[in-house]
PDB file of N, CA and C in Angstrom:
ATOM      1  N   MET A   1       0.843  -1.183   0.000  1.00  0.00           N
ATOM      2  CA  MET A   1       0.000   0.000   0.000  1.00  0.00           C
ATOM      3  C   MET A   1       0.891   1.250   0.000  1.00  0.00           C
ATOM      4  N   ASN A   2       0.540   2.214  -0.802  1.00  0.00           N
ATOM      5  CA  ASN A   2       1.277   3.479  -0.842  1.00  0.00           C
ATOM      6  C   ASN A   2       0.865   4.362   0.326  1.00  0.00           C
ATOM      7  N   LYS A   3       1.817   5.119   0.823  1.00  0.00           N
ATOM      8  CA  LYS A   3       1.543   6.047   1.917  1.00  0.00           C
ATOM      9  C   LYS A   3       1.571   7.473   1.399  1.00  0.00           C
ATOM     10  N   ALA A   4       0.708   8.301   1.942  1.00  0.00           N
ATOM     11  CA  ALA A   4       0.765   9.732   1.640  1.00  0.00           C
ATOM     12  C   ALA A   4       2.077  10.273   2.188  1.00  0.00           C
ATOM     13  N   LEU A   5       2.548  11.333   1.589  1.00  0.00           N
ATOM     14  CA  LEU A   5       3.870  11.839   1.932  1.00  0.00           C
ATOM     15  C   LEU A   5       3.799  13.325   2.253  1.00  0.00           C
ATOM     16  N   LYS A   6       4.440  13.704   3.332  1.00  0.00           N
ATOM     17  CA  LYS A   6       4.589  15.108   3.697  1.00  0.00           C
ATOM     18  C   LYS A   6       6.055  15.471   3.520  1.00  0.00           C
ATOM     19  N   LEU A   7       6.315  16.488   2.706  1.00  0.00           N
ATOM     20  CA  LEU A   7       7.692  16.909   2.470  1.00  0.00           C
ATOM     21  C   LEU A   7       8.053  18.027   3.440  1.00  0.00           C
ATOM     22  N   LYS A   8       9.175  17.884   4.106  1.00  0.00           N
ATOM     23  CA  LYS A   8       9.636  18.877   5.074  1.00  0.00           C
ATOM     24  C   LYS A   8      10.818  19.619   4.454  1.00  0.00           C
ATOM     25  N   ILE A   9      10.515  20.742   3.828  1.00  0.00           N
ATOM     26  CA  ILE A   9      11.511  21.486   3.069  1.00  0.00           C
ATOM     27  C   ILE A   9      12.656  21.952   3.971  1.00  0.00           C
ATOM     28  N   LYS A  10      12.340  22.540   5.100  1.00  0.00           N
ATOM     29  CA  LYS A  10      13.368  23.065   6.013  1.00  0.00           C
ATOM     30  C   LYS A  10      14.333  21.964   6.434  1.00  0.00           C
ATOM     31  N   GLU A  11      13.803  20.811   6.798  1.00  0.00           N
ATOM     32  CA  GLU A  11      14.662  19.697   7.200  1.00  0.00           C
ATOM     33  C   GLU A  11      15.509  19.214   6.032  1.00  0.00           C
ATOM     34  N   SER A  12      14.962  19.242   4.833  1.00  0.00           N
ATOM     35  CA  SER A  12      15.724  18.835   3.647  1.00  0.00           C
ATOM     36  C   SER A  12      16.836  19.840   3.348  1.00  0.00           C
ATOM     37  N   ILE A  13      16.558  21.127   3.535  1.00  0.00           N
ATOM     38  CA  ILE A  13      17.592  22.155   3.336  1.00  0.00           C
ATOM     39  C   ILE A  13      18.775  21.891   4.254  1.00  0.00           C
ATOM     40  N   ASP A  14      18.500  21.481   5.471  1.00  0.00           N
ATOM     41  CA  ASP A  14      19.568  21.237   6.449  1.00  0.00           C
ATOM     42  C   ASP A  14      20.499  20.103   6.035  1.00  0.00           C
ATOM     43  N   THR A  15      20.076  19.245   5.078  1.00  0.00           N
ATOM     44  CA  THR A  15      20.923  18.129   4.641  1.00  0.00           C
ATOM     45  C   THR A  15      21.834  18.518   3.476  1.00  0.00           C
ATOM     46  N   ILE A  16      21.612  19.678   2.878  1.00  0.00           N
ATOM     47  CA  ILE A  16      22.398  20.092   1.715  1.00  0.00           C
ATOM     48  C   ILE A  16      23.742  20.646   2.177  1.00  0.00           C
ATOM     49  N   THR A  17      24.812  20.099   1.619  1.00  0.00           N
ATOM     50  CA  THR A  17      26.148  20.486   2.058  1.00  0.00           C
ATOM     51  C   THR A  17      26.938  21.265   1.007  1.00  0.00           C
ATOM     52  N   GLU A  18      26.495  21.234  -0.254  1.00  0.00           N
ATOM     53  CA  GLU A  18      27.219  21.958  -1.288  1.00  0.00           C
ATOM     54  C   GLU A  18      26.253  22.443  -2.371  1.00  0.00           C
ATOM     55  N   PRO A  19      26.604  23.531  -3.038  1.00  0.00           N
ATOM     56  CA  PRO A  19      25.738  24.056  -4.083  1.00  0.00           C
ATOM     57  C   PRO A  19      25.710  23.137  -5.315  1.00  0.00           C
ATOM     58  N   TRP A  20      24.627  23.239  -6.051  1.00  0.00           N
ATOM     59  CA  TRP A  20      24.440  22.531  -7.323  1.00  0.00           C
ATOM     60  C   TRP A  20      24.476  21.017  -7.165  1.00  0.00           C
ATOM     61  N   ALA A  21      24.136  20.508  -5.995  1.00  0.00           N
ATOM     62  CA  ALA A  21      24.097  19.065  -5.741  1.00  0.00           C
ATOM     63  C   ALA A  21      22.699  18.715  -5.223  1.00  0.00           C
ATOM     64  N   PRO A  22      21.724  18.543  -6.128  1.00  0.00           N
ATOM     65  CA  PRO A  22      20.339  18.324  -5.710  1.00  0.00           C
ATOM     66  C   PRO A  22      20.156  17.056  -4.872  1.00  0.00           C
ATOM     67  N   VAL A  23      19.232  17.140  -3.925  1.00  0.00           N
ATOM     68  CA  VAL A  23      18.812  15.970  -3.159  1.00  0.00           C
ATOM     69  C   VAL A  23      17.361  15.664  -3.531  1.00  0.00           C
ATOM     70  N   GLU A  24      17.048  14.399  -3.652  1.00  0.00           N
ATOM     71  CA  GLU A  24      15.680  13.984  -3.971  1.00  0.00           C
ATOM     72  C   GLU A  24      14.876  13.969  -2.685  1.00  0.00           C
ATOM     73  N   ILE A  25      13.730  14.672  -2.709  1.00  0.00           N
ATOM     74  CA  ILE A  25      12.912  14.724  -1.489  1.00  0.00           C
ATOM     75  C   ILE A  25      11.530  14.116  -1.676  1.00  0.00           C
ATOM     76  N   GLY A  26      11.152  13.778  -2.905  1.00  0.00           N
ATOM     77  CA  GLY A  26       9.848  13.168  -3.119  1.00  0.00           C
ATOM     78  C   GLY A  26       9.675  12.682  -4.541  1.00  0.00           C
ATOM     79  N   TRP A  27       8.759  11.752  -4.704  1.00  0.00           N
ATOM     80  CA  TRP A  27       8.421  11.176  -6.008  1.00  0.00           C
ATOM     81  C   TRP A  27       6.912  11.137  -6.156  1.00  0.00           C
ATOM     82  N   PHE A  28       6.436  11.323  -7.375  1.00  0.00           N
ATOM     83  CA  PHE A  28       5.036  11.054  -7.687  1.00  0.00           C
ATOM     84  C   PHE A  28       4.941  10.749  -9.175  1.00  0.00           C
ATOM     85  N   ASN A  29       4.079   9.803  -9.531  1.00  0.00           N
ATOM     86  CA  ASN A  29       3.985   9.337 -10.915  1.00  0.00           C
ATOM     87  C   ASN A  29       5.399   9.078 -11.428  1.00  0.00           C
ATOM     88  N   GLU A  30       5.768   9.630 -12.512  1.00  0.00           N
ATOM     89  CA  GLU A  30       7.121   9.457 -13.059  1.00  0.00           C
ATOM     90  C   GLU A  30       7.986  10.693 -12.790  1.00  0.00           C
ATOM     91  N   GLN A  31       7.592  11.502 -11.806  1.00  0.00           N
ATOM     92  CA  GLN A  31       8.270  12.762 -11.504  1.00  0.00           C
ATOM     93  C   GLN A  31       9.056  12.659 -10.198  1.00  0.00           C
ATOM     94  N   VAL A  32      10.126  13.440 -10.127  1.00  0.00           N
ATOM     95  CA  VAL A  32      10.900  13.525  -8.901  1.00  0.00           C
ATOM     96  C   VAL A  32      10.955  14.999  -8.486  1.00  0.00           C
ATOM     97  N   ILE A  33      10.936  15.237  -7.188  1.00  0.00           N
ATOM     98  CA  ILE A  33      11.114  16.588  -6.656  1.00  0.00           C
ATOM     99  C   ILE A  33      12.507  16.622  -6.049  1.00  0.00           C
ATOM    100  N   ARG A  34      13.326  17.518  -6.596  1.00  0.00           N
ATOM    101  CA  ARG A  34      14.688  17.687  -6.104  1.00  0.00           C
ATOM    102  C   ARG A  34      14.821  19.074  -5.497  1.00  0.00           C
ATOM    103  N   LEU A  35      15.660  19.178  -4.478  1.00  0.00           N
ATOM    104  CA  LEU A  35      15.914  20.451  -3.811  1.00  0.00           C
ATOM    105  C   LEU A  35      17.411  20.715  -3.885  1.00  0.00           C
ATOM    106  N   ALA A  36      17.768  21.951  -4.228  1.00  0.00           N
ATOM    107  CA  ALA A  36      19.185  22.274  -4.339  1.00  0.00           C
ATOM    108  C   ALA A  36      19.455  23.694  -3.878  1.00  0.00           C
ATOM    109  N   LEU A  37      20.668  23.892  -3.437  1.00  0.00           N
ATOM    110  CA  LEU A  37      21.198  25.226  -3.166  1.00  0.00           C
ATOM    111  C   LEU A  37      21.857  25.698  -4.453  1.00  0.00           C
ATOM    112  N   TYR A  38      21.396  26.830  -4.968  1.00  0.00           N
ATOM    113  CA  TYR A  38      22.019  27.453  -6.134  1.00  0.00           C
ATOM    114  C   TYR A  38      22.907  28.579  -5.625  1.00  0.00           C
ATOM    115  N   ARG A  39      24.125  28.624  -6.163  1.00  0.00           N
ATOM    116  CA  ARG A  39      25.076  29.654  -5.758  1.00  0.00           C
ATOM    117  C   ARG A  39      25.898  30.042  -6.990  1.00  0.00           C
ATOM    118  N   GLY A  40      25.823  31.302  -7.372  1.00  0.00           N
ATOM    119  CA  GLY A  40      26.571  31.744  -8.552  1.00  0.00           C
ATOM    120  C   GLY A  40      25.889  31.307  -9.833  1.00  0.00           C
ATOM    121  N   GLU A  41      26.698  30.788 -10.764  1.00  0.00           N
ATOM    122  CA  GLU A  41      26.156  30.408 -12.073  1.00  0.00           C
ATOM    123  C   GLU A  41      26.458  28.947 -12.368  1.00  0.00           C
ATOM    124  N   TYR A  42      25.456  28.265 -12.913  1.00  0.00           N
ATOM    125  CA  TYR A  42      25.636  26.903 -13.404  1.00  0.00           C
ATOM    126  C   TYR A  42      26.152  27.018 -14.837  1.00  0.00           C
ATOM    127  N   HIS A  43      26.180  25.962 -15.587  1.00  0.00           N
ATOM    128  CA  HIS A  43      26.652  26.042 -16.970  1.00  0.00           C
ATOM    129  C   HIS A  43      25.467  25.989 -17.950  1.00  0.00           C
ATOM    130  N   TRP A  44      25.703  26.454 -19.157  1.00  0.00           N
ATOM    131  CA  TRP A  44      24.692  26.366 -20.211  1.00  0.00           C
ATOM    132  C   TRP A  44      24.468  24.896 -20.554  1.00  0.00           C
ATOM    133  N   HIS A  45      23.188  24.510 -20.644  1.00  0.00           N
ATOM    134  CA  HIS A  45      22.869  23.129 -20.986  1.00  0.00           C
ATOM    135  C   HIS A  45      21.445  23.046 -21.533  1.00  0.00           C
ATOM    136  N   VAL A  46      21.106  21.885 -22.050  1.00  0.00           N
ATOM    137  CA  VAL A  46      19.778  21.658 -22.619  1.00  0.00           C
ATOM    138  C   VAL A  46      19.338  20.243 -22.261  1.00  0.00           C
ATOM    139  N   HIS A  47      18.035  20.082 -22.052  1.00  0.00           N
ATOM    140  CA  HIS A  47      17.433  18.767 -21.852  1.00  0.00           C
ATOM    141  C   HIS A  47      16.576  18.517 -23.091  1.00  0.00           C
ATOM    142  N   GLU A  48      17.007  17.609 -23.937  1.00  0.00           N
ATOM    143  CA  GLU A  48      16.327  17.388 -25.209  1.00  0.00           C
ATOM    144  C   GLU A  48      14.974  16.702 -25.056  1.00  0.00           C
ATOM    145  N   LEU A  49      14.800  15.901 -23.994  1.00  0.00           N
ATOM    146  CA  LEU A  49      13.600  15.077 -23.889  1.00  0.00           C
ATOM    147  C   LEU A  49      12.638  15.487 -22.778  1.00  0.00           C
ATOM    148  N   GLU A  50      13.057  16.357 -21.859  1.00  0.00           N
ATOM    149  CA  GLU A  50      12.226  16.645 -20.695  1.00  0.00           C
ATOM    150  C   GLU A  50      12.076  18.136 -20.455  1.00  0.00           C
ATOM    151  N   ASP A  51      10.872  18.543 -20.044  1.00  0.00           N
ATOM    152  CA  ASP A  51      10.640  19.884 -19.514  1.00  0.00           C
ATOM    153  C   ASP A  51      11.194  19.901 -18.087  1.00  0.00           C
ATOM    154  N   GLU A  52      11.472  21.109 -17.591  1.00  0.00           N
ATOM    155  CA  GLU A  52      11.995  21.249 -16.228  1.00  0.00           C
ATOM    156  C   GLU A  52      11.285  22.415 -15.553  1.00  0.00           C
ATOM    157  N   ALA A  53      10.824  22.188 -14.317  1.00  0.00           N
ATOM    158  CA  ALA A  53      10.141  23.235 -13.563  1.00  0.00           C
ATOM    159  C   ALA A  53      10.980  23.612 -12.352  1.00  0.00           C
ATOM    160  N   PHE A  54      11.044  24.920 -12.076  1.00  0.00           N
ATOM    161  CA  PHE A  54      11.815  25.461 -10.959  1.00  0.00           C
ATOM    162  C   PHE A  54      10.869  26.245 -10.052  1.00  0.00           C
ATOM    163  N   LEU A  55      10.869  25.934  -8.761  1.00  0.00           N
ATOM    164  CA  LEU A  55      10.099  26.673  -7.770  1.00  0.00           C
ATOM    165  C   LEU A  55      11.080  27.236  -6.754  1.00  0.00           C
ATOM    166  N   VAL A  56      11.154  28.559  -6.647  1.00  0.00           N
ATOM    167  CA  VAL A  56      12.099  29.194  -5.728  1.00  0.00           C
ATOM    168  C   VAL A  56      11.512  29.170  -4.320  1.00  0.00           C
ATOM    169  N   HIS A  57      12.188  28.457  -3.436  1.00  0.00           N
ATOM    170  CA  HIS A  57      11.777  28.396  -2.032  1.00  0.00           C
ATOM    171  C   HIS A  57      12.230  29.651  -1.287  1.00  0.00           C
ATOM    172  N   SER A  58      13.483  30.056  -1.531  1.00  0.00           N
ATOM    173  CA  SER A  58      13.987  31.291  -0.926  1.00  0.00           C
ATOM    174  C   SER A  58      15.105  31.832  -1.797  1.00  0.00           C
ATOM    175  N   GLY A  59      15.145  33.153  -1.921  1.00  0.00           N
ATOM    176  CA  GLY A  59      16.158  33.803  -2.729  1.00  0.00           C
ATOM    177  C   GLY A  59      15.586  34.290  -4.050  1.00  0.00           C
ATOM    178  N   GLU A  60      16.465  34.450  -5.027  1.00  0.00           N
ATOM    179  CA  GLU A  60      16.060  34.914  -6.365  1.00  0.00           C
ATOM    180  C   GLU A  60      16.907  34.200  -7.409  1.00  0.00           C
ATOM    181  N   LEU A  61      16.259  33.690  -8.424  1.00  0.00           N
ATOM    182  CA  LEU A  61      16.910  32.908  -9.471  1.00  0.00           C
ATOM    183  C   LEU A  61      16.650  33.543 -10.826  1.00  0.00           C
ATOM    184  N   THR A  62      17.704  33.674 -11.621  1.00  0.00           N
ATOM    185  CA  THR A  62      17.557  34.073 -13.015  1.00  0.00           C
ATOM    186  C   THR A  62      17.890  32.860 -13.872  1.00  0.00           C
ATOM    187  N   ILE A  63      16.966  32.514 -14.748  1.00  0.00           N
ATOM    188  CA  ILE A  63      17.229  31.448 -15.701  1.00  0.00           C
ATOM    189  C   ILE A  63      17.525  32.130 -17.030  1.00  0.00           C
ATOM    190  N   ARG A  64      18.797  32.115 -17.400  1.00  0.00           N
ATOM    191  CA  ARG A  64      19.208  32.738 -18.657  1.00  0.00           C
ATOM    192  C   ARG A  64      18.819  31.820 -19.804  1.00  0.00           C
ATOM    193  N   LEU A  65      18.315  32.405 -20.878  1.00  0.00           N
ATOM    194  CA  LEU A  65      17.870  31.653 -22.047  1.00  0.00           C
ATOM    195  C   LEU A  65      18.566  32.199 -23.288  1.00  0.00           C
ATOM    196  N   ARG A  66      18.965  31.336 -24.189  1.00  0.00           N
ATOM    197  CA  ARG A  66      19.702  31.762 -25.383  1.00  0.00           C
ATOM    198  C   ARG A  66      18.857  32.626 -26.311  1.00  0.00           C
ATOM    199  N   ASP A  67      17.650  32.195 -26.630  1.00  0.00           N
ATOM    200  CA  ASP A  67      16.863  32.848 -27.671  1.00  0.00           C
ATOM    201  C   ASP A  67      15.587  33.509 -27.163  1.00  0.00           C
ATOM    202  N   GLN A  68      15.507  33.718 -25.855  1.00  0.00           N
ATOM    203  CA  GLN A  68      14.322  34.305 -25.249  1.00  0.00           C
ATOM    204  C   GLN A  68      14.763  35.243 -24.127  1.00  0.00           C
ATOM    205  N   GLU A  69      13.809  36.001 -23.630  1.00  0.00           N
ATOM    206  CA  GLU A  69      14.082  36.849 -22.478  1.00  0.00           C
ATOM    207  C   GLU A  69      14.314  35.978 -21.251  1.00  0.00           C
ATOM    208  N   ASP A  70      15.259  36.371 -20.402  1.00  0.00           N
ATOM    209  CA  ASP A  70      15.531  35.631 -19.170  1.00  0.00           C
ATOM    210  C   ASP A  70      14.277  35.565 -18.303  1.00  0.00           C
ATOM    211  N   ILE A  71      14.195  34.511 -17.507  1.00  0.00           N
ATOM    212  CA  ILE A  71      13.128  34.361 -16.522  1.00  0.00           C
ATOM    213  C   ILE A  71      13.727  34.703 -15.163  1.00  0.00           C
ATOM    214  N   VAL A  72      13.149  35.660 -14.452  1.00  0.00           N
ATOM    215  CA  VAL A  72      13.607  36.019 -13.108  1.00  0.00           C
ATOM    216  C   VAL A  72      12.532  35.569 -12.129  1.00  0.00           C
ATOM    217  N   LEU A  73      12.926  34.706 -11.195  1.00  0.00           N
ATOM    218  CA  LEU A  73      11.998  34.132 -10.219  1.00  0.00           C
ATOM    219  C   LEU A  73      12.402  34.531  -8.812  1.00  0.00           C
ATOM    220  N   LYS A  74      11.440  35.031  -8.055  1.00  0.00           N
ATOM    221  CA  LYS A  74      11.659  35.391  -6.649  1.00  0.00           C
ATOM    222  C   LYS A  74      11.007  34.331  -5.766  1.00  0.00           C
ATOM    223  N   THR A  75      11.235  34.422  -4.473  1.00  0.00           N
ATOM    224  CA  THR A  75      10.659  33.477  -3.521  1.00  0.00           C
ATOM    225  C   THR A  75       9.175  33.269  -3.803  1.00  0.00           C
ATOM    226  N   GLY A  76       8.790  32.011  -3.907  1.00  0.00           N
ATOM    227  CA  GLY A  76       7.385  31.662  -4.127  1.00  0.00           C
ATOM    228  C   GLY A  76       6.969  31.647  -5.590  1.00  0.00           C
ATOM    229  N   GLU A  77       7.875  31.955  -6.504  1.00  0.00           N
ATOM    230  CA  GLU A  77       7.542  31.949  -7.930  1.00  0.00           C
ATOM    231  C   GLU A  77       8.123  30.701  -8.599  1.00  0.00           C
ATOM    232  N   MET A  78       7.460  30.322  -9.695  1.00  0.00           N
ATOM    233  CA  MET A  78       7.823  29.101 -10.393  1.00  0.00           C
ATOM    234  C   MET A  78       7.980  29.392 -11.874  1.00  0.00           C
ATOM    235  N   GLY A  79       8.941  28.735 -12.503  1.00  0.00           N
ATOM    236  CA  GLY A  79       9.152  28.871 -13.937  1.00  0.00           C
ATOM    237  C   GLY A  79       9.327  27.509 -14.571  1.00  0.00           C
ATOM    238  N   ILE A  80       9.008  27.424 -15.862  1.00  0.00           N
ATOM    239  CA  ILE A  80       9.126  26.173 -16.601  1.00  0.00           C
ATOM    240  C   ILE A  80      10.000  26.408 -17.825  1.00  0.00           C
ATOM    241  N   VAL A  81      10.973  25.538 -18.015  1.00  0.00           N
ATOM    242  CA  VAL A  81      11.828  25.573 -19.194  1.00  0.00           C
ATOM    243  C   VAL A  81      11.451  24.364 -20.048  1.00  0.00           C
ATOM    244  N   PRO A  82      10.914  24.603 -21.247  1.00  0.00           N
ATOM    245  CA  PRO A  82      10.513  23.482 -22.101  1.00  0.00           C
ATOM    246  C   PRO A  82      11.718  22.690 -22.615  1.00  0.00           C
ATOM    247  N   LYS A  83      11.485  21.424 -22.881  1.00  0.00           N
ATOM    248  CA  LYS A  83      12.548  20.589 -23.441  1.00  0.00           C
ATOM    249  C   LYS A  83      13.111  21.243 -24.699  1.00  0.00           C
ATOM    250  N   GLY A  84      14.394  21.025 -24.926  1.00  0.00           N
ATOM    251  CA  GLY A  84      15.049  21.578 -26.097  1.00  0.00           C
ATOM    252  C   GLY A  84      15.467  23.034 -25.971  1.00  0.00           C
ATOM    253  N   THR A  85      15.270  23.645 -24.788  1.00  0.00           N
ATOM    254  CA  THR A  85      15.603  25.053 -24.576  1.00  0.00           C
ATOM    255  C   THR A  85      16.925  25.158 -23.820  1.00  0.00           C
ATOM    256  N   GLU A  86      17.913  25.763 -24.447  1.00  0.00           N
ATOM    257  CA  GLU A  86      19.202  25.923 -23.784  1.00  0.00           C
ATOM    258  C   GLU A  86      19.062  26.986 -22.695  1.00  0.00           C
ATOM    259  N   HIS A  87      19.547  26.666 -21.506  1.00  0.00           N
ATOM    260  CA  HIS A  87      19.388  27.574 -20.370  1.00  0.00           C
ATOM    261  C   HIS A  87      20.577  27.488 -19.425  1.00  0.00           C
ATOM    262  N   CYS A  88      20.685  28.526 -18.574  1.00  0.00           N
ATOM    263  CA  CYS A  88      21.784  28.626 -17.618  1.00  0.00           C
ATOM    264  C   CYS A  88      21.262  29.303 -16.352  1.00  0.00           C
ATOM    265  N   PRO A  89      21.002  28.535 -15.288  1.00  0.00           N
ATOM    266  CA  PRO A  89      20.555  29.138 -14.023  1.00  0.00           C
ATOM    267  C   PRO A  89      21.690  29.910 -13.357  1.00  0.00           C
ATOM    268  N   ARG A  90      21.326  31.047 -12.748  1.00  0.00           N
ATOM    269  CA  ARG A  90      22.318  31.829 -12.004  1.00  0.00           C
ATOM    270  C   ARG A  90      21.607  32.621 -10.913  1.00  0.00           C
ATOM    271  N   CYS A  91      22.360  32.961  -9.874  1.00  0.00           N
ATOM    272  CA  CYS A  91      21.816  33.798  -8.804  1.00  0.00           C
ATOM    273  C   CYS A  91      22.950  34.577  -8.160  1.00  0.00           C
ATOM    274  N   ASP A  92      22.598  35.727  -7.579  1.00  0.00           N
ATOM    275  CA  ASP A  92      23.586  36.580  -6.923  1.00  0.00           C
ATOM    276  C   ASP A  92      23.716  36.280  -5.435  1.00  0.00           C
ATOM    277  N   GLU A  93      22.740  35.579  -4.890  1.00  0.00           N
ATOM    278  CA  GLU A  93      22.760  35.203  -3.470  1.00  0.00           C
ATOM    279  C   GLU A  93      22.355  33.744  -3.368  1.00  0.00           C
ATOM    280  N   ASP A  94      22.693  33.087  -2.276  1.00  0.00           N
ATOM    281  CA  ASP A  94      22.287  31.703  -2.084  1.00  0.00           C
ATOM    282  C   ASP A  94      20.775  31.596  -2.243  1.00  0.00           C
ATOM    283  N   THR A  95      20.347  30.644  -3.060  1.00  0.00           N
ATOM    284  CA  THR A  95      18.938  30.471  -3.372  1.00  0.00           C
ATOM    285  C   THR A  95      18.605  28.985  -3.312  1.00  0.00           C
ATOM    286  N   TYR A  96      17.519  28.651  -2.623  1.00  0.00           N
ATOM    287  CA  TYR A  96      17.062  27.260  -2.549  1.00  0.00           C
ATOM    288  C   TYR A  96      15.933  27.072  -3.540  1.00  0.00           C
ATOM    289  N   VAL A  97      16.084  26.053  -4.383  1.00  0.00           N
ATOM    290  CA  VAL A  97      15.169  25.827  -5.491  1.00  0.00           C
ATOM    291  C   VAL A  97      14.680  24.393  -5.472  1.00  0.00           C
ATOM    292  N   LEU A  98      13.366  24.233  -5.639  1.00  0.00           N
ATOM    293  CA  LEU A  98      12.766  22.923  -5.851  1.00  0.00           C
ATOM    294  C   LEU A  98      12.643  22.726  -7.353  1.00  0.00           C
ATOM    295  N   MET A  99      13.105  21.584  -7.843  1.00  0.00           N
ATOM    296  CA  MET A  99      12.982  21.243  -9.248  1.00  0.00           C
ATOM    297  C   MET A  99      12.024  20.065  -9.362  1.00  0.00           C
ATOM    298  N   ILE A 100      11.026  20.223 -10.188  1.00  0.00           N
ATOM    299  CA  ILE A 100      10.044  19.172 -10.404  1.00  0.00           C
ATOM    300  C   ILE A 100      10.236  18.721 -11.841  1.00  0.00           C
ATOM    301  N   GLU A 101      10.624  17.466 -11.999  1.00  0.00           N
ATOM    302  CA  GLU A 101      11.056  17.022 -13.320  1.00  0.00           C
ATOM    303  C   GLU A 101      10.890  15.518 -13.466  1.00  0.00           C
ATOM    304  N   PRO A 102      10.890  15.029 -14.702  1.00  0.00           N
ATOM    305  CA  PRO A 102      10.837  13.581 -14.898  1.00  0.00           C
ATOM    306  C   PRO A 102      12.042  12.911 -14.235  1.00  0.00           C
ATOM    307  N   ALA A 103      11.821  11.753 -13.679  1.00  0.00           N
ATOM    308  CA  ALA A 103      12.902  11.045 -12.986  1.00  0.00           C
ATOM    309  C   ALA A 103      14.062  10.729 -13.923  1.00  0.00           C
ATOM    310  N   THR A 104      13.806  10.675 -15.215  1.00  0.00           N
ATOM    311  CA  THR A 104      14.854  10.374 -16.190  1.00  0.00           C
ATOM    312  C   THR A 104      15.782  11.537 -16.459  1.00  0.00           C
ATOM    313  N   LEU A 105      15.411  12.744 -16.016  1.00  0.00           N
ATOM    314  CA  LEU A 105      16.192  13.928 -16.327  1.00  0.00           C
ATOM    315  C   LEU A 105      17.555  13.902 -15.651  1.00  0.00           C
ATOM    316  N   GLN A 106      18.588  14.178 -16.420  1.00  0.00           N
ATOM    317  CA  GLN A 106      19.947  14.288 -15.890  1.00  0.00           C
ATOM    318  C   GLN A 106      20.140  15.722 -15.440  1.00  0.00           C
ATOM    319  N   SER A 107      20.493  15.953 -14.191  1.00  0.00           N
ATOM    320  CA  SER A 107      20.641  17.307 -13.667  1.00  0.00           C
ATOM    321  C   SER A 107      21.643  18.144 -14.464  1.00  0.00           C
ATOM    322  N   GLU A 108      22.651  17.509 -15.014  1.00  0.00           N
ATOM    323  CA  GLU A 108      23.694  18.241 -15.722  1.00  0.00           C
ATOM    324  C   GLU A 108      23.244  18.683 -17.112  1.00  0.00           C
ATOM    325  N   GLY A 109      22.177  18.109 -17.629  1.00  0.00           N
ATOM    326  CA  GLY A 109      21.743  18.410 -18.987  1.00  0.00           C
ATOM    327  C   GLY A 109      22.450  17.525 -19.988  1.00  0.00           C
ATOM    328  N   ASP A 110      22.066  17.686 -21.250  1.00  0.00           N
ATOM    329  CA  ASP A 110      22.607  16.849 -22.310  1.00  0.00           C
ATOM    330  C   ASP A 110      23.878  17.421 -22.903  1.00  0.00           C
ATOM    331  N   GLU A 111      24.138  18.705 -22.668  1.00  0.00           N
ATOM    332  CA  GLU A 111      25.340  19.343 -23.214  1.00  0.00           C
ATOM    333  C   GLU A 111      26.048  20.106 -22.114  1.00  0.00           C
TER     334      GLU A 111
END
């Protein structure tokens, strides 16, 4: 029998020891919820097969996009990057982000 799940974000944040190293905090259907500390800039990458959703728990995140206007997300805001879209997350201050994505998604991207 499956059990209902309560996610404790604060407790999960306390387990994060380094930036850009997501921890899995929940699963549903074929999706995984990952939580990460973002610090500075990640690298440009693309996910050819999966969309990616970002929910800012605390801080401010800019998702740089090659051919579109950047997405700027503040605490409590969510953004979606469609598959095949080259992007580069960055922030000026430590930011905690929940990523909701297919379990098959590679955090590093395809490129």
